[in-house]
Amino acid sequence: MDRAQKTELVAELNRTFSEVGVVVVTRNLGLTVAQSTQLRNKMRDAGATYKVSKNKLAKIALDGTDYLSLGELLTGPVGLATSIDPVAAAKVAVEFAKTNDKFEIVGGAMGATALDVDGVKALATLPSLDELRAKIVGLLVAPATKLATITQAPAAQIARVLSAYAEKEAA
């Protein structure tokens, strides 16, 4: 890798660190290509990305971002899982770590807040941004649905009473 490629990679990583909501640092202890591809596909499906980069270049890219605390975690063969949604990358990484013993979570950060392994696992248990939006919409729609049901109930009861009288008169 020549100097221009390194500069481009550092700029891309810096841009990524500036845009994302969470970074999860993972350690790869001999993942196969198939396992790595599977992890990347799961990350992509969840709206996250997974990259392996040189630690020195990643440390340089951390300058000027909120993720300076990650510098001490970048030792050995590590990968960086990132996502704009603060839960997506953590959720996929924790699920993948449960099924694969060659993949472990080292830590992470949400902006300037550093997370240890337990913090990343706790973050993974939270509902995603889309799930929270769905709950809020459900809470907003529920009163309107109840109001419509309540206003229709008296009319339906009156209709049933009139129908019963009409059937009684007809019989």
Protein backbone atom coordinates (compact mmCIF):
# COMPACT_ATOMS: atom_id res chain seq x y z
CA MET A 1 0.00 0.00 0.00
CA ASP A 2 1.56 3.26 -1.09
CA ARG A 3 1.30 6.63 0.62
CA ALA A 4 -1.61 7.88 -1.53
CA GLN A 5 -3.68 4.78 -0.73
CA LYS A 6 -2.93 5.18 2.98
CA THR A 7 -3.96 8.85 2.89
CA GLU A 8 -7.19 7.94 1.10
CA LEU A 9 -7.94 5.16 3.61
CA VAL A 10 -7.33 7.49 6.59
CA ALA A 11 -9.61 10.14 5.05
CA GLU A 12 -12.34 7.54 4.45
CA LEU A 13 -12.07 6.20 8.02
CA ASN A 14 -12.13 9.73 9.43
CA ARG A 15 -15.26 10.52 7.42
CA THR A 16 -16.86 7.29 8.69
CA PHE A 17 -16.01 8.11 12.31
CA SER A 18 -17.53 11.57 11.87
CA GLU A 19 -20.83 10.22 10.52
CA VAL A 20 -21.60 7.13 12.62
CA GLY A 21 -23.46 6.81 15.91
CA VAL A 22 -21.50 3.85 17.28
CA VAL A 23 -18.20 2.04 16.71
CA VAL A 24 -17.68 -1.49 18.02
CA VAL A 25 -14.12 -2.80 18.14
CA THR A 26 -13.84 -6.56 17.64
CA ARG A 27 -10.95 -9.01 17.67
CA ASN A 28 -10.58 -11.56 14.90
CA LEU A 29 -8.85 -14.71 16.03
CA GLY A 30 -8.70 -16.57 12.73
CA LEU A 31 -12.04 -16.03 11.01
CA THR A 32 -12.33 -17.83 7.69
CA VAL A 33 -13.25 -15.93 4.55
CA ALA A 34 -16.73 -17.49 4.61
CA GLN A 35 -17.28 -16.42 8.24
CA SER A 36 -16.03 -12.92 7.52
CA THR A 37 -18.32 -12.66 4.48
CA GLN A 38 -21.24 -13.90 6.56
CA LEU A 39 -20.51 -11.23 9.19
CA ARG A 40 -20.27 -8.48 6.57
CA ASN A 41 -23.58 -9.57 5.00
CA LYS A 42 -25.33 -9.54 8.38
CA MET A 43 -23.91 -6.09 9.08
CA ARG A 44 -25.04 -4.81 5.69
CA ASP A 45 -28.55 -6.21 6.21
CA ALA A 46 -28.77 -4.36 9.55
CA GLY A 47 -27.56 -1.06 8.05
CA ALA A 48 -24.05 -1.33 9.51
CA THR A 49 -20.57 -1.85 8.08
CA TYR A 50 -17.62 -3.96 9.14
CA LYS A 51 -14.06 -3.08 8.17
CA VAL A 52 -10.65 -4.42 9.02
CA SER A 53 -7.92 -1.81 8.82
CA LYS A 54 -4.40 -1.28 10.01
CA ASN A 55 -4.39 -0.11 13.62
CA LYS A 56 -1.94 2.71 12.99
CA LEU A 57 -4.07 4.12 10.16
CA ALA A 58 -7.24 3.81 12.25
CA LYS A 59 -5.55 5.66 15.14
CA ILE A 60 -4.59 8.47 12.78
CA ALA A 61 -8.18 8.59 11.46
CA LEU A 62 -9.52 8.97 15.02
CA ASP A 63 -7.97 12.44 15.31
CA GLY A 64 -10.60 15.17 15.17
CA THR A 65 -13.50 12.82 15.98
CA ASP A 66 -15.39 11.95 19.16
CA TYR A 67 -13.93 8.44 19.12
CA LEU A 68 -10.44 9.19 20.43
CA SER A 69 -11.01 6.77 23.32
CA LEU A 70 -10.89 3.86 20.86
CA GLY A 71 -7.17 4.34 20.28
CA GLU A 72 -6.22 2.17 23.25
CA LEU A 73 -8.42 -0.70 22.01
CA LEU A 74 -6.70 -0.90 18.62
CA THR A 75 -4.10 -3.57 19.31
CA GLY A 76 -3.77 -6.87 17.52
CA PRO A 77 -6.03 -8.08 14.71
CA VAL A 78 -9.13 -5.93 15.15
CA GLY A 79 -12.13 -5.01 13.05
CA LEU A 80 -14.41 -2.00 13.29
CA ALA A 81 -18.19 -2.37 13.14
CA THR A 82 -19.93 0.95 12.58
CA SER A 83 -23.49 2.15 12.10
CA ILE A 84 -25.48 5.35 12.16
CA ASP A 85 -28.15 3.61 14.27
CA PRO A 86 -26.51 3.28 17.71
CA VAL A 87 -27.85 -0.25 18.17
CA ALA A 88 -27.43 -1.98 14.79
CA ALA A 89 -23.68 -2.66 14.78
CA ALA A 90 -23.63 -3.70 18.44
CA LYS A 91 -26.58 -6.06 17.99
CA VAL A 92 -25.07 -7.86 14.99
CA ALA A 93 -21.61 -8.07 16.58
CA VAL A 94 -22.96 -9.54 19.84
CA GLU A 95 -25.13 -12.07 17.97
CA PHE A 96 -22.20 -13.13 15.78
CA ALA A 97 -19.89 -13.43 18.80
CA LYS A 98 -22.38 -15.81 20.46
CA THR A 99 -22.16 -18.23 17.53
CA ASN A 100 -18.46 -17.92 16.73
CA ASP A 101 -15.65 -18.43 19.24
CA LYS A 102 -13.03 -16.87 16.92
CA PHE A 103 -14.74 -13.50 17.13
CA GLU A 104 -14.81 -11.44 20.31
CA ILE A 105 -15.88 -7.95 21.23
CA VAL A 106 -13.16 -5.74 22.71
CA GLY A 107 -15.19 -2.59 23.36
CA GLY A 108 -16.56 0.39 21.56
CA ALA A 109 -17.82 3.93 21.78
CA MET A 110 -20.94 5.95 21.23
CA GLY A 111 -19.57 9.35 20.36
CA ALA A 112 -17.36 10.50 23.22
CA THR A 113 -18.75 7.79 25.54
CA ALA A 114 -16.43 4.80 25.74
CA LEU A 115 -18.05 1.37 26.12
CA ASP A 116 -16.53 -1.76 27.57
CA VAL A 117 -17.63 -5.26 26.54
CA ASP A 118 -20.60 -5.21 28.92
CA GLY A 119 -21.60 -1.77 27.65
CA VAL A 120 -21.66 -3.04 24.06
CA LYS A 121 -23.73 -6.07 25.13
CA ALA A 122 -26.16 -3.81 27.00
CA LEU A 123 -26.44 -1.58 23.93
CA ALA A 124 -27.25 -4.65 21.82
CA THR A 125 -30.26 -5.47 24.00
CA LEU A 126 -31.93 -2.10 23.31
CA PRO A 127 -34.54 -1.87 20.56
CA SER A 128 -33.32 -0.50 17.25
CA LEU A 129 -34.25 2.93 15.93
CA ASP A 130 -36.89 1.46 13.59
CA GLU A 131 -38.45 -0.55 16.44
CA LEU A 132 -38.63 2.58 18.60
CA ARG A 133 -40.26 4.53 15.78
CA ALA A 134 -42.85 1.77 15.35
CA LYS A 135 -43.65 1.85 19.07
CA ILE A 136 -44.08 5.63 19.02
CA VAL A 137 -46.38 5.47 16.00
CA GLY A 138 -48.37 2.72 17.75
CA LEU A 139 -48.72 4.88 20.85
CA LEU A 140 -49.85 7.84 18.77
CA VAL A 141 -52.39 5.83 16.78
CA ALA A 142 -53.86 3.91 19.75
CA PRO A 143 -55.93 6.82 21.21
CA ALA A 144 -57.45 7.58 17.81
CA THR A 145 -58.37 3.92 17.33
CA LYS A 146 -59.97 3.77 20.79
CA LEU A 147 -61.86 7.01 20.12
CA ALA A 148 -63.24 5.66 16.85
CA THR A 149 -64.33 2.44 18.57
CA ILE A 150 -66.05 4.31 21.39
CA THR A 151 -67.92 6.67 19.05
CA GLN A 152 -69.13 3.79 16.89
CA ALA A 153 -70.32 1.66 19.81
CA PRO A 154 -73.51 3.64 20.73
CA ALA A 155 -74.64 3.83 17.10
CA ALA A 156 -74.12 0.10 16.69
CA GLN A 157 -76.13 -0.59 19.86
CA ILE A 158 -79.01 1.61 18.68
CA ALA A 159 -78.96 -0.13 15.31
CA ARG A 160 -79.15 -3.55 16.99
CA VAL A 161 -82.09 -2.44 19.21
CA LEU A 162 -84.00 -1.02 16.22
CA SER A 163 -83.27 -4.18 14.24
CA ALA A 164 -84.60 -6.31 17.10
CA TYR A 165 -87.81 -4.23 17.28
CA ALA A 166 -88.23 -4.45 13.51
CA GLU A 167 -87.84 -8.24 13.58
CA LYS A 168 -90.30 -8.44 16.51
CA GLU A 169 -92.86 -6.33 14.63
CA ALA A 170 -92.37 -8.38 11.47
CA ALA A 171 -92.91 -11.65 13.34
